[in-house]
Amino acid sequence: MNGDVEAMLFEIANRAQELKARGAALEAEDVLPGDVVDWMVANRFFKLFVPRALGGAELRLSEGVQIIEALAGVEGNLGWQAQIGSGGGYFVPSFAREVAERVYADPRAVIAGSGAPLGQAKPVPGGYVVSGRWSYASGAQYATLFTANCVLPDGRIRAMAFLPEQVRLIRDWNALGMRATSSWTMEVEEVFVPEELSFVTGEWKWDPGSPVYRVPFDLFATACVGAVLIGLARAFFEEVGGDGRDEAEPFRRLFFTAVAHLETLQAKGALDEAEHRHIGWMMRHAASRSRELVLRAMPVLGMRAIKPGERVSRILRDLLTAGQHYALR
């Protein structure tokens, strides 16, 4: 196993009891406390896939999802924020190299944003004038850059990157679970975005050398979001005991097997359309069946399943909330 992965897993296990004990406080505060953000930054949990040259951990996808699953197994909000923040690392080659260095080299660099094409971008000399409003920008609390998809006048979709001072944040996240993810609405009005801070997801301007960037974005997103559900399901059955954990384990293995298979095919250049669909199905199926097993176990828990102060209730609500993500449909 990669030494960085071992060190990260050890650090997560070392802090697990403390972080579990703070779960209710995280939910009540609805943001991550500063010391928790500092811990995430120090351990590069927001930069799992960013190249080492830019201060990241430069993990393979199969390694990164292990970290995301482990964090989610301790506290759902942390797993979600790690996968969102690290997901922003996928855009490293979408920026010119010198721009990527500016965007990612800061140890505290984190991207928040939205993939929904809900903005309008008008080309102007040197860039674009952009207006739009996007919901669910997880990590907005501490983001150093915001990205969002916009529609150009000719109908093409292009992502735009905004500086924090260009963005109006609306603190409106009030969902069933994942309460401390600062998944707020972001809004911009007639802001200028230079050409160098716009990109098309999946298009490269340079090669950082990591195989993770060769993974199709939809499969990358499904793997990262799915790892959160797998971790939450594992945490649920560890909390309640019984036979559910044994029933859930095969789906956990299926999920990680699918991610490993994806990497193998990608390395061989053998990821054709049929394999692409099949691997996506395997990951979604593993996450979906894990969720079904949790829901099937709910009745035997009685009031524990719905009392806000119970950890098992927070896990359940986080799992239901994360399961609504489009990547798992």
C-alpha atoms as a PDB file:
ATOM      1  CA  MET A   1       0.000   0.000   0.000  1.00  0.00           C
ATOM      2  CA  ASN A   2       1.104   3.552  -0.755  1.00  0.00           C
ATOM      3  CA  GLY A   3       2.828   5.007   2.323  1.00  0.00           C
ATOM      4  CA  ASP A   4       0.792   8.205   2.071  1.00  0.00           C
ATOM      5  CA  VAL A   5      -2.421   6.177   2.093  1.00  0.00           C
ATOM      6  CA  GLU A   6      -1.272   4.215   5.155  1.00  0.00           C
ATOM      7  CA  ALA A   7      -0.400   7.439   6.959  1.00  0.00           C
ATOM      8  CA  MET A   8      -3.748   9.012   6.109  1.00  0.00           C
ATOM      9  CA  LEU A   9      -5.714   5.949   7.219  1.00  0.00           C
ATOM     10  CA  PHE A  10      -3.724   5.859  10.452  1.00  0.00           C
ATOM     11  CA  GLU A  11      -4.444   9.546  11.092  1.00  0.00           C
ATOM     12  CA  ILE A  12      -8.172   9.029  10.475  1.00  0.00           C
ATOM     13  CA  ALA A  13      -8.254   6.032  12.841  1.00  0.00           C
ATOM     14  CA  ASN A  14      -6.302   7.980  15.445  1.00  0.00           C
ATOM     15  CA  ARG A  15      -8.865  10.796  15.478  1.00  0.00           C
ATOM     16  CA  ALA A  16     -11.935   8.622  14.930  1.00  0.00           C
ATOM     17  CA  GLN A  17     -13.348   8.538  18.458  1.00  0.00           C
ATOM     18  CA  GLU A  18     -12.909  12.257  18.969  1.00  0.00           C
ATOM     19  CA  LEU A  19     -14.538  13.112  15.635  1.00  0.00           C
ATOM     20  CA  LYS A  20     -17.429  10.727  16.233  1.00  0.00           C
ATOM     21  CA  ALA A  21     -18.039  12.380  19.588  1.00  0.00           C
ATOM     22  CA  ARG A  22     -18.187  15.783  17.891  1.00  0.00           C
ATOM     23  CA  GLY A  23     -20.769  14.723  15.311  1.00  0.00           C
ATOM     24  CA  ALA A  24     -23.735  16.322  17.064  1.00  0.00           C
ATOM     25  CA  ALA A  25     -21.838  19.592  17.476  1.00  0.00           C
ATOM     26  CA  LEU A  26     -20.898  19.657  13.800  1.00  0.00           C
ATOM     27  CA  GLU A  27     -24.528  19.229  12.858  1.00  0.00           C
ATOM     28  CA  ALA A  28     -25.657  21.965  15.233  1.00  0.00           C
ATOM     29  CA  GLU A  29     -23.031  24.459  14.030  1.00  0.00           C
ATOM     30  CA  ASP A  30     -23.770  23.622  10.356  1.00  0.00           C
ATOM     31  CA  VAL A  31     -20.140  24.317   9.345  1.00  0.00           C
ATOM     32  CA  LEU A  32     -16.835  22.600  10.030  1.00  0.00           C
ATOM     33  CA  PRO A  33     -15.002  24.144  12.997  1.00  0.00           C
ATOM     34  CA  GLY A  34     -11.707  25.823  12.181  1.00  0.00           C
ATOM     35  CA  ASP A  35      -9.596  23.156  13.865  1.00  0.00           C
ATOM     36  CA  VAL A  36     -11.277  20.420  11.820  1.00  0.00           C
ATOM     37  CA  VAL A  37     -10.694  22.349   8.591  1.00  0.00           C
ATOM     38  CA  ASP A  38      -7.055  22.805   9.647  1.00  0.00           C
ATOM     39  CA  TRP A  39      -6.765  19.045  10.229  1.00  0.00           C
ATOM     40  CA  MET A  40      -8.245  18.300   6.813  1.00  0.00           C
ATOM     41  CA  VAL A  41      -5.828  20.749   5.192  1.00  0.00           C
ATOM     42  CA  ALA A  42      -2.781  19.466   7.078  1.00  0.00           C
ATOM     43  CA  ASN A  43      -3.496  15.907   5.951  1.00  0.00           C
ATOM     44  CA  ARG A  44      -4.257  16.911   2.329  1.00  0.00           C
ATOM     45  CA  PHE A  45      -7.751  15.442   2.495  1.00  0.00           C
ATOM     46  CA  PHE A  46      -8.930  18.228   0.175  1.00  0.00           C
ATOM     47  CA  LYS A  47      -6.088  17.522  -2.274  1.00  0.00           C
ATOM     48  CA  LEU A  48      -6.113  13.748  -2.613  1.00  0.00           C
ATOM     49  CA  PHE A  49      -5.652  13.830  -6.393  1.00  0.00           C
ATOM     50  CA  VAL A  50      -3.634  17.023  -6.818  1.00  0.00           C
ATOM     51  CA  PRO A  51      -0.009  16.450  -7.975  1.00  0.00           C
ATOM     52  CA  ARG A  52       2.687  16.453  -5.307  1.00  0.00           C
ATOM     53  CA  ALA A  53       4.370  19.316  -7.117  1.00  0.00           C
ATOM     54  CA  LEU A  54       1.298  21.414  -6.247  1.00  0.00           C
ATOM     55  CA  GLY A  55       1.144  20.254  -2.648  1.00  0.00           C
ATOM     56  CA  GLY A  56      -1.277  17.383  -3.146  1.00  0.00           C
ATOM     57  CA  ALA A  57      -1.144  13.702  -2.274  1.00  0.00           C
ATOM     58  CA  GLU A  58      -1.284  12.585  -5.952  1.00  0.00           C
ATOM     59  CA  LEU A  59      -3.237   9.427  -5.175  1.00  0.00           C
ATOM     60  CA  ARG A  60      -4.693   7.051  -7.703  1.00  0.00           C
ATOM     61  CA  LEU A  61      -8.485   6.896  -7.782  1.00  0.00           C
ATOM     62  CA  SER A  62      -8.515   3.511  -6.009  1.00  0.00           C
ATOM     63  CA  GLU A  63      -6.390   5.009  -3.222  1.00  0.00           C
ATOM     64  CA  GLY A  64      -8.367   8.220  -2.907  1.00  0.00           C
ATOM     65  CA  VAL A  65     -11.696   6.436  -2.529  1.00  0.00           C
ATOM     66  CA  GLN A  66     -10.232   4.468   0.380  1.00  0.00           C
ATOM     67  CA  ILE A  67      -9.566   7.749   2.185  1.00  0.00           C
ATOM     68  CA  ILE A  68     -13.006   9.143   1.359  1.00  0.00           C
ATOM     69  CA  GLU A  69     -14.687   5.951   2.568  1.00  0.00           C
ATOM     70  CA  ALA A  70     -12.666   5.974   5.800  1.00  0.00           C
ATOM     71  CA  LEU A  71     -13.544   9.607   6.539  1.00  0.00           C
ATOM     72  CA  ALA A  72     -17.235   8.998   5.816  1.00  0.00           C
ATOM     73  CA  GLY A  73     -17.133   5.993   8.126  1.00  0.00           C
ATOM     74  CA  VAL A  74     -16.060   8.297  10.943  1.00  0.00           C
ATOM     75  CA  GLU A  75     -18.196  11.337  10.116  1.00  0.00           C
ATOM     76  CA  GLY A  76     -20.302  11.781   7.005  1.00  0.00           C
ATOM     77  CA  ASN A  77     -19.644  15.501   6.664  1.00  0.00           C
ATOM     78  CA  LEU A  78     -15.900  14.897   6.506  1.00  0.00           C
ATOM     79  CA  GLY A  79     -16.203  12.235   3.828  1.00  0.00           C
ATOM     80  CA  TRP A  80     -18.439  14.468   1.764  1.00  0.00           C
ATOM     81  CA  GLN A  81     -16.162  17.481   2.057  1.00  0.00           C
ATOM     82  CA  ALA A  82     -13.104  15.403   1.180  1.00  0.00           C
ATOM     83  CA  GLN A  83     -14.694  14.039  -1.981  1.00  0.00           C
ATOM     84  CA  ILE A  84     -15.978  17.456  -3.034  1.00  0.00           C
ATOM     85  CA  GLY A  85     -12.708  19.258  -2.322  1.00  0.00           C
ATOM     86  CA  SER A  86     -10.606  16.538  -3.909  1.00  0.00           C
ATOM     87  CA  GLY A  87     -12.983  16.424  -6.853  1.00  0.00           C
ATOM     88  CA  GLY A  88     -11.881  19.952  -7.646  1.00  0.00           C
ATOM     89  CA  GLY A  89      -8.420  18.513  -8.198  1.00  0.00           C
ATOM     90  CA  TYR A  90      -9.715  16.849 -11.353  1.00  0.00           C
ATOM     91  CA  PHE A  91      -9.526  20.253 -13.052  1.00  0.00           C
ATOM     92  CA  VAL A  92      -5.733  20.607 -12.642  1.00  0.00           C
ATOM     93  CA  PRO A  93      -4.964  19.884 -16.333  1.00  0.00           C
ATOM     94  CA  SER A  94      -7.944  21.972 -17.472  1.00  0.00           C
ATOM     95  CA  PHE A  95      -6.041  25.115 -16.510  1.00  0.00           C
ATOM     96  CA  ALA A  96      -2.755  26.101 -18.146  1.00  0.00           C
ATOM     97  CA  ARG A  97       0.138  24.853 -16.054  1.00  0.00           C
ATOM     98  CA  GLU A  98       1.118  28.264 -14.691  1.00  0.00           C
ATOM     99  CA  VAL A  99      -2.525  28.982 -13.810  1.00  0.00           C
ATOM    100  CA  ALA A 100      -2.880  25.594 -12.091  1.00  0.00           C
ATOM    101  CA  GLU A 101       0.176  26.409 -10.022  1.00  0.00           C
ATOM    102  CA  ARG A 102      -1.475  29.624  -8.828  1.00  0.00           C
ATOM    103  CA  VAL A 103      -4.814  27.918  -8.167  1.00  0.00           C
ATOM    104  CA  TYR A 104      -3.618  24.801  -6.334  1.00  0.00           C
ATOM    105  CA  ALA A 105      -0.208  25.477  -4.799  1.00  0.00           C
ATOM    106  CA  ASP A 106      -1.615  27.217  -1.710  1.00  0.00           C
ATOM    107  CA  PRO A 107      -1.793  24.513   1.020  1.00  0.00           C
ATOM    108  CA  ARG A 108      -5.339  25.681   1.816  1.00  0.00           C
ATOM    109  CA  ALA A 109      -6.531  25.665  -1.790  1.00  0.00           C
ATOM    110  CA  VAL A 110     -10.035  24.188  -2.090  1.00  0.00           C
ATOM    111  CA  ILE A 111     -12.490  24.465  -4.976  1.00  0.00           C
ATOM    112  CA  ALA A 112     -16.248  24.543  -4.419  1.00  0.00           C
ATOM    113  CA  GLY A 113     -18.882  24.882  -7.087  1.00  0.00           C
ATOM    114  CA  SER A 114     -21.532  23.302  -9.242  1.00  0.00           C
ATOM    115  CA  GLY A 115     -21.720  21.246 -12.412  1.00  0.00           C
ATOM    116  CA  ALA A 116     -25.215  22.446 -13.271  1.00  0.00           C
ATOM    117  CA  PRO A 117     -25.158  24.722 -16.372  1.00  0.00           C
ATOM    118  CA  LEU A 118     -27.162  27.497 -14.736  1.00  0.00           C
ATOM    119  CA  GLY A 119     -25.015  30.492 -15.646  1.00  0.00           C
ATOM    120  CA  GLN A 120     -24.845  32.663 -18.731  1.00  0.00           C
ATOM    121  CA  ALA A 121     -21.431  33.675 -20.102  1.00  0.00           C
ATOM    122  CA  LYS A 122     -21.007  36.363 -22.737  1.00  0.00           C
ATOM    123  CA  PRO A 123     -17.646  36.438 -24.560  1.00  0.00           C
ATOM    124  CA  VAL A 124     -15.830  39.763 -24.318  1.00  0.00           C
ATOM    125  CA  PRO A 125     -12.237  40.709 -25.113  1.00  0.00           C
ATOM    126  CA  GLY A 126      -9.950  38.711 -22.829  1.00  0.00           C
ATOM    127  CA  GLY A 127     -12.638  36.542 -21.285  1.00  0.00           C
ATOM    128  CA  TYR A 128     -16.301  36.414 -20.353  1.00  0.00           C
ATOM    129  CA  VAL A 129     -18.932  38.394 -18.465  1.00  0.00           C
ATOM    130  CA  VAL A 130     -20.872  35.950 -16.332  1.00  0.00           C
ATOM    131  CA  SER A 131     -24.100  35.934 -14.353  1.00  0.00           C
ATOM    132  CA  GLY A 132     -25.739  32.983 -12.645  1.00  0.00           C
ATOM    133  CA  ARG A 133     -26.991  31.311  -9.517  1.00  0.00           C
ATOM    134  CA  TRP A 134     -26.072  27.768  -8.459  1.00  0.00           C
ATOM    135  CA  SER A 135     -27.191  25.717  -5.470  1.00  0.00           C
ATOM    136  CA  TYR A 136     -25.265  23.205  -3.367  1.00  0.00           C
ATOM    137  CA  ALA A 137     -21.707  24.546  -3.580  1.00  0.00           C
ATOM    138  CA  SER A 138     -20.389  22.222  -0.866  1.00  0.00           C
ATOM    139  CA  GLY A 139     -17.326  23.603   0.888  1.00  0.00           C
ATOM    140  CA  ALA A 140     -18.336  27.223   0.311  1.00  0.00           C
ATOM    141  CA  GLN A 141     -17.347  27.998   3.912  1.00  0.00           C
ATOM    142  CA  TYR A 142     -13.609  27.801   3.190  1.00  0.00           C
ATOM    143  CA  ALA A 143     -13.291  27.633  -0.629  1.00  0.00           C
ATOM    144  CA  THR A 144     -10.466  29.598  -2.240  1.00  0.00           C
ATOM    145  CA  LEU A 145     -12.004  29.312  -5.725  1.00  0.00           C
ATOM    146  CA  PHE A 146     -15.498  28.614  -7.057  1.00  0.00           C
ATOM    147  CA  THR A 147     -16.263  26.904 -10.366  1.00  0.00           C
ATOM    148  CA  ALA A 148     -19.566  26.614 -12.189  1.00  0.00           C
ATOM    149  CA  ASN A 149     -20.823  25.635 -15.614  1.00  0.00           C
ATOM    150  CA  CYS A 150     -22.245  28.305 -17.876  1.00  0.00           C
ATOM    151  CA  VAL A 151     -23.972  28.388 -21.253  1.00  0.00           C
ATOM    152  CA  LEU A 152     -22.409  30.444 -24.031  1.00  0.00           C
ATOM    153  CA  PRO A 153     -24.574  32.265 -26.593  1.00  0.00           C
ATOM    154  CA  ASP A 154     -23.968  29.466 -29.113  1.00  0.00           C
ATOM    155  CA  GLY A 155     -25.213  26.838 -26.636  1.00  0.00           C
ATOM    156  CA  ARG A 156     -21.825  25.402 -25.683  1.00  0.00           C
ATOM    157  CA  ILE A 157     -21.152  24.751 -21.991  1.00  0.00           C
ATOM    158  CA  ARG A 158     -17.995  26.105 -20.424  1.00  0.00           C
ATOM    159  CA  ALA A 159     -16.864  26.172 -16.800  1.00  0.00           C
ATOM    160  CA  MET A 160     -15.926  29.462 -15.183  1.00  0.00           C
ATOM    161  CA  ALA A 161     -13.765  29.968 -12.101  1.00  0.00           C
ATOM    162  CA  PHE A 162     -14.561  32.796  -9.703  1.00  0.00           C
ATOM    163  CA  LEU A 163     -12.549  34.346  -6.918  1.00  0.00           C
ATOM    164  CA  PRO A 164     -14.290  34.388  -3.511  1.00  0.00           C
ATOM    165  CA  GLU A 165     -14.718  38.156  -3.631  1.00  0.00           C
ATOM    166  CA  GLN A 166     -16.698  37.812  -6.885  1.00  0.00           C
ATOM    167  CA  VAL A 167     -19.230  35.427  -5.378  1.00  0.00           C
ATOM    168  CA  ARG A 168     -22.251  36.165  -3.229  1.00  0.00           C
ATOM    169  CA  LEU A 169     -22.930  33.240  -0.894  1.00  0.00           C
ATOM    170  CA  ILE A 170     -26.418  32.530   0.398  1.00  0.00           C
ATOM    171  CA  ARG A 171     -26.362  30.413   3.551  1.00  0.00           C
ATOM    172  CA  ASP A 172     -29.456  28.392   2.702  1.00  0.00           C
ATOM    173  CA  TRP A 173     -28.403  24.738   3.134  1.00  0.00           C
ATOM    174  CA  ASN A 174     -31.095  23.128   5.277  1.00  0.00           C
ATOM    175  CA  ALA A 175     -31.267  19.528   4.160  1.00  0.00           C
ATOM    176  CA  LEU A 176     -32.064  16.324   6.036  1.00  0.00           C
ATOM    177  CA  GLY A 177     -28.416  15.387   6.473  1.00  0.00           C
ATOM    178  CA  MET A 178     -24.853  16.456   5.676  1.00  0.00           C
ATOM    179  CA  ARG A 179     -25.639  19.513   7.742  1.00  0.00           C
ATOM    180  CA  ALA A 180     -22.046  20.733   8.168  1.00  0.00           C
ATOM    181  CA  THR A 181     -21.056  20.729   4.496  1.00  0.00           C
ATOM    182  CA  SER A 182     -21.764  24.443   3.831  1.00  0.00           C
ATOM    183  CA  SER A 183     -23.543  23.434   0.631  1.00  0.00           C
ATOM    184  CA  TRP A 184     -24.704  26.970   0.059  1.00  0.00           C
ATOM    185  CA  THR A 185     -26.052  28.775  -2.978  1.00  0.00           C
ATOM    186  CA  MET A 186     -23.549  30.873  -4.918  1.00  0.00           C
ATOM    187  CA  GLU A 187     -24.439  33.801  -7.117  1.00  0.00           C
ATOM    188  CA  VAL A 188     -22.533  36.094  -9.478  1.00  0.00           C
ATOM    189  CA  GLU A 189     -23.798  39.074 -11.424  1.00  0.00           C
ATOM    190  CA  GLU A 190     -21.999  40.566 -14.400  1.00  0.00           C
ATOM    191  CA  VAL A 191     -18.535  39.509 -13.217  1.00  0.00           C
ATOM    192  CA  PHE A 192     -15.547  39.319 -15.515  1.00  0.00           C
ATOM    193  CA  VAL A 193     -13.771  35.960 -15.812  1.00  0.00           C
ATOM    194  CA  PRO A 194     -10.475  36.007 -17.746  1.00  0.00           C
ATOM    195  CA  GLU A 195     -10.026  33.381 -20.454  1.00  0.00           C
ATOM    196  CA  GLU A 196      -7.329  31.631 -18.381  1.00  0.00           C
ATOM    197  CA  LEU A 197      -9.889  30.913 -15.646  1.00  0.00           C
ATOM    198  CA  SER A 198     -12.376  29.248 -17.973  1.00  0.00           C
ATOM    199  CA  PHE A 199     -12.212  25.657 -19.181  1.00  0.00           C
ATOM    200  CA  VAL A 200     -14.077  22.628 -20.477  1.00  0.00           C
ATOM    201  CA  THR A 201     -14.148  19.713 -18.036  1.00  0.00           C
ATOM    202  CA  GLY A 202     -12.074  16.829 -19.349  1.00  0.00           C
ATOM    203  CA  GLU A 203     -10.046  18.884 -21.807  1.00  0.00           C
ATOM    204  CA  TRP A 204      -6.315  19.098 -21.059  1.00  0.00           C
ATOM    205  CA  LYS A 205      -3.910  21.995 -21.429  1.00  0.00           C
ATOM    206  CA  TRP A 206      -0.979  20.020 -19.989  1.00  0.00           C
ATOM    207  CA  ASP A 207      -0.243  16.558 -18.581  1.00  0.00           C
ATOM    208  CA  PRO A 208       0.310  16.428 -14.797  1.00  0.00           C
ATOM    209  CA  GLY A 209       1.345  12.772 -15.120  1.00  0.00           C
ATOM    210  CA  SER A 210      -1.261  11.225 -12.823  1.00  0.00           C
ATOM    211  CA  PRO A 211      -3.506   8.469 -14.237  1.00  0.00           C
ATOM    212  CA  VAL A 212      -6.519   9.817 -12.324  1.00  0.00           C
ATOM    213  CA  TYR A 213      -6.985  12.530 -14.958  1.00  0.00           C
ATOM    214  CA  ARG A 214      -7.494   9.890 -17.630  1.00  0.00           C
ATOM    215  CA  VAL A 215     -10.546   8.513 -15.849  1.00  0.00           C
ATOM    216  CA  PRO A 216     -13.767   9.814 -17.461  1.00  0.00           C
ATOM    217  CA  PHE A 217     -15.279  12.501 -15.259  1.00  0.00           C
ATOM    218  CA  ASP A 218     -18.635  10.757 -14.792  1.00  0.00           C
ATOM    219  CA  LEU A 219     -16.932   7.606 -13.473  1.00  0.00           C
ATOM    220  CA  PHE A 220     -14.587   9.690 -11.331  1.00  0.00           C
ATOM    221  CA  ALA A 221     -17.576  11.466  -9.746  1.00  0.00           C
ATOM    222  CA  THR A 222     -19.510   8.225  -9.218  1.00  0.00           C
ATOM    223  CA  ALA A 223     -16.497   6.654  -7.509  1.00  0.00           C
ATOM    224  CA  CYS A 224     -15.975   9.602  -5.154  1.00  0.00           C
ATOM    225  CA  VAL A 225     -19.643  10.063  -4.208  1.00  0.00           C
ATOM    226  CA  GLY A 226     -20.192   6.299  -4.014  1.00  0.00           C
ATOM    227  CA  ALA A 227     -17.312   5.959  -1.552  1.00  0.00           C
ATOM    228  CA  VAL A 228     -19.190   8.257   0.835  1.00  0.00           C
ATOM    229  CA  LEU A 229     -22.261   5.989   0.760  1.00  0.00           C
ATOM    230  CA  ILE A 230     -20.163   2.865   1.193  1.00  0.00           C
ATOM    231  CA  GLY A 231     -18.439   4.427   4.214  1.00  0.00           C
ATOM    232  CA  LEU A 232     -21.720   5.559   5.759  1.00  0.00           C
ATOM    233  CA  ALA A 233     -23.290   2.111   5.315  1.00  0.00           C
ATOM    234  CA  ARG A 234     -20.275   0.522   6.991  1.00  0.00           C
ATOM    235  CA  ALA A 235     -20.507   3.029   9.854  1.00  0.00           C
ATOM    236  CA  PHE A 236     -24.210   2.310  10.254  1.00  0.00           C
ATOM    237  CA  PHE A 237     -23.763  -1.425  10.680  1.00  0.00           C
ATOM    238  CA  GLU A 238     -20.757  -0.987  12.948  1.00  0.00           C
ATOM    239  CA  GLU A 239     -22.975   1.181  15.130  1.00  0.00           C
ATOM    240  CA  VAL A 240     -26.009  -1.119  15.262  1.00  0.00           C
ATOM    241  CA  GLY A 241     -24.395  -4.564  14.971  1.00  0.00           C
ATOM    242  CA  GLY A 242     -26.344  -7.556  13.714  1.00  0.00           C
ATOM    243  CA  ASP A 243     -26.097  -9.402  10.424  1.00  0.00           C
ATOM    244  CA  GLY A 244     -26.375  -6.330   8.219  1.00  0.00           C
ATOM    245  CA  ARG A 245     -22.625  -5.754   8.196  1.00  0.00           C
ATOM    246  CA  ASP A 246     -21.981  -9.193   6.728  1.00  0.00           C
ATOM    247  CA  GLU A 247     -24.673  -8.602   4.111  1.00  0.00           C
ATOM    248  CA  ALA A 248     -23.242  -5.191   3.192  1.00  0.00           C
ATOM    249  CA  GLU A 249     -19.620  -6.322   2.891  1.00  0.00           C
ATOM    250  CA  PRO A 250     -19.999  -8.010  -0.538  1.00  0.00           C
ATOM    251  CA  PHE A 251     -21.314  -4.749  -1.987  1.00  0.00           C
ATOM    252  CA  ARG A 252     -18.429  -2.851  -0.414  1.00  0.00           C
ATOM    253  CA  ARG A 253     -16.012  -5.299  -2.084  1.00  0.00           C
ATOM    254  CA  LEU A 254     -17.896  -4.959  -5.381  1.00  0.00           C
ATOM    255  CA  PHE A 255     -17.511  -1.197  -5.247  1.00  0.00           C
ATOM    256  CA  PHE A 256     -13.750  -1.261  -4.704  1.00  0.00           C
ATOM    257  CA  THR A 257     -13.349  -4.044  -7.259  1.00  0.00           C
ATOM    258  CA  ALA A 258     -15.148  -1.878  -9.831  1.00  0.00           C
ATOM    259  CA  VAL A 259     -12.829   1.066  -9.141  1.00  0.00           C
ATOM    260  CA  ALA A 260      -9.742  -1.148  -9.417  1.00  0.00           C
ATOM    261  CA  HIS A 261     -11.070  -2.665 -12.663  1.00  0.00           C
ATOM    262  CA  LEU A 262     -11.624   0.827 -14.035  1.00  0.00           C
ATOM    263  CA  GLU A 263      -8.000   1.718 -13.346  1.00  0.00           C
ATOM    264  CA  THR A 264      -6.740  -1.478 -14.968  1.00  0.00           C
ATOM    265  CA  LEU A 265      -8.749  -0.947 -18.141  1.00  0.00           C
ATOM    266  CA  GLN A 266      -7.782   2.702 -18.316  1.00  0.00           C
ATOM    267  CA  ALA A 267      -4.090   1.828 -18.016  1.00  0.00           C
ATOM    268  CA  LYS A 268      -4.436  -0.673 -20.870  1.00  0.00           C
ATOM    269  CA  GLY A 269      -6.432   1.723 -23.028  1.00  0.00           C
ATOM    270  CA  ALA A 270      -9.249  -0.811 -23.031  1.00  0.00           C
ATOM    271  CA  LEU A 271     -12.078   1.213 -21.495  1.00  0.00           C
ATOM    272  CA  ASP A 272     -14.625   0.970 -24.291  1.00  0.00           C
ATOM    273  CA  GLU A 273     -18.218   2.179 -24.145  1.00  0.00           C
ATOM    274  CA  ALA A 274     -19.592  -1.148 -22.897  1.00  0.00           C
ATOM    275  CA  GLU A 275     -17.048  -1.372 -20.065  1.00  0.00           C
ATOM    276  CA  HIS A 276     -17.665   2.269 -19.232  1.00  0.00           C
ATOM    277  CA  ARG A 277     -21.386   1.588 -18.750  1.00  0.00           C
ATOM    278  CA  HIS A 278     -20.774  -1.652 -16.860  1.00  0.00           C
ATOM    279  CA  ILE A 279     -18.317  -0.163 -14.377  1.00  0.00           C
ATOM    280  CA  GLY A 280     -20.630   2.776 -13.713  1.00  0.00           C
ATOM    281  CA  TRP A 281     -23.474   0.332 -13.115  1.00  0.00           C
ATOM    282  CA  MET A 282     -21.374  -1.754 -10.693  1.00  0.00           C
ATOM    283  CA  MET A 283     -20.455   1.260  -8.578  1.00  0.00           C
ATOM    284  CA  ARG A 284     -24.005   2.603  -8.504  1.00  0.00           C
ATOM    285  CA  HIS A 285     -25.401  -0.868  -7.806  1.00  0.00           C
ATOM    286  CA  ALA A 286     -23.025  -1.370  -4.871  1.00  0.00           C
ATOM    287  CA  ALA A 287     -23.949   1.993  -3.374  1.00  0.00           C
ATOM    288  CA  SER A 288     -27.672   1.466  -3.976  1.00  0.00           C
ATOM    289  CA  ARG A 289     -27.786  -1.995  -2.426  1.00  0.00           C
ATOM    290  CA  SER A 290     -25.791  -0.766   0.580  1.00  0.00           C
ATOM    291  CA  ARG A 291     -28.384   1.945   1.091  1.00  0.00           C
ATOM    292  CA  GLU A 292     -31.228  -0.558   0.743  1.00  0.00           C
ATOM    293  CA  LEU A 293     -29.719  -2.742   3.459  1.00  0.00           C
ATOM    294  CA  VAL A 294     -29.545   0.249   5.799  1.00  0.00           C
ATOM    295  CA  LEU A 295     -33.174   1.147   5.139  1.00  0.00           C
ATOM    296  CA  ARG A 296     -34.227  -2.457   5.660  1.00  0.00           C
ATOM    297  CA  ALA A 297     -32.588  -2.390   9.087  1.00  0.00           C
ATOM    298  CA  MET A 298     -34.372   0.779  10.221  1.00  0.00           C
ATOM    299  CA  PRO A 299     -37.493  -0.798  11.786  1.00  0.00           C
ATOM    300  CA  VAL A 300     -35.521  -2.897  14.267  1.00  0.00           C
ATOM    301  CA  LEU A 301     -33.822   0.235  15.641  1.00  0.00           C
ATOM    302  CA  GLY A 302     -37.040   1.753  16.921  1.00  0.00           C
ATOM    303  CA  MET A 303     -36.724   5.375  18.000  1.00  0.00           C
ATOM    304  CA  ARG A 304     -32.898   5.353  17.728  1.00  0.00           C
ATOM    305  CA  ALA A 305     -33.281   5.696  13.971  1.00  0.00           C
ATOM    306  CA  ILE A 306     -35.127   9.011  14.178  1.00  0.00           C
ATOM    307  CA  LYS A 307     -33.829  10.726  17.337  1.00  0.00           C
ATOM    308  CA  PRO A 308     -31.597  13.655  16.309  1.00  0.00           C
ATOM    309  CA  GLY A 309     -29.126  13.113  19.141  1.00  0.00           C
ATOM    310  CA  GLU A 310     -28.333   9.537  18.154  1.00  0.00           C
ATOM    311  CA  ARG A 311     -25.243   8.960  16.014  1.00  0.00           C
ATOM    312  CA  VAL A 312     -27.016   6.241  14.080  1.00  0.00           C
ATOM    313  CA  SER A 313     -29.722   8.752  13.148  1.00  0.00           C
ATOM    314  CA  ARG A 314     -27.113  11.203  11.825  1.00  0.00           C
ATOM    315  CA  ILE A 315     -25.489   8.439   9.791  1.00  0.00           C
ATOM    316  CA  LEU A 316     -28.848   7.475   8.337  1.00  0.00           C
ATOM    317  CA  ARG A 317     -29.757  11.049   7.419  1.00  0.00           C
ATOM    318  CA  ASP A 318     -26.330  11.660   5.897  1.00  0.00           C
ATOM    319  CA  LEU A 319     -26.648   8.498   3.833  1.00  0.00           C
ATOM    320  CA  LEU A 320     -30.087   9.467   2.540  1.00  0.00           C
ATOM    321  CA  THR A 321     -28.867  12.944   1.641  1.00  0.00           C
ATOM    322  CA  ALA A 322     -25.677  11.816  -0.103  1.00  0.00           C
ATOM    323  CA  GLY A 323     -27.672   9.178  -2.004  1.00  0.00           C
ATOM    324  CA  GLN A 324     -29.618  11.888  -3.811  1.00  0.00           C
ATOM    325  CA  HIS A 325     -26.544  13.018  -5.759  1.00  0.00           C
ATOM    326  CA  TYR A 326     -26.948  12.809  -9.531  1.00  0.00           C
ATOM    327  CA  ALA A 327     -23.784  10.693  -9.862  1.00  0.00           C
ATOM    328  CA  LEU A 328     -25.593   7.758  -8.246  1.00  0.00           C
ATOM    329  CA  ARG A 329     -28.751   7.854 -10.325  1.00  0.00           C
END
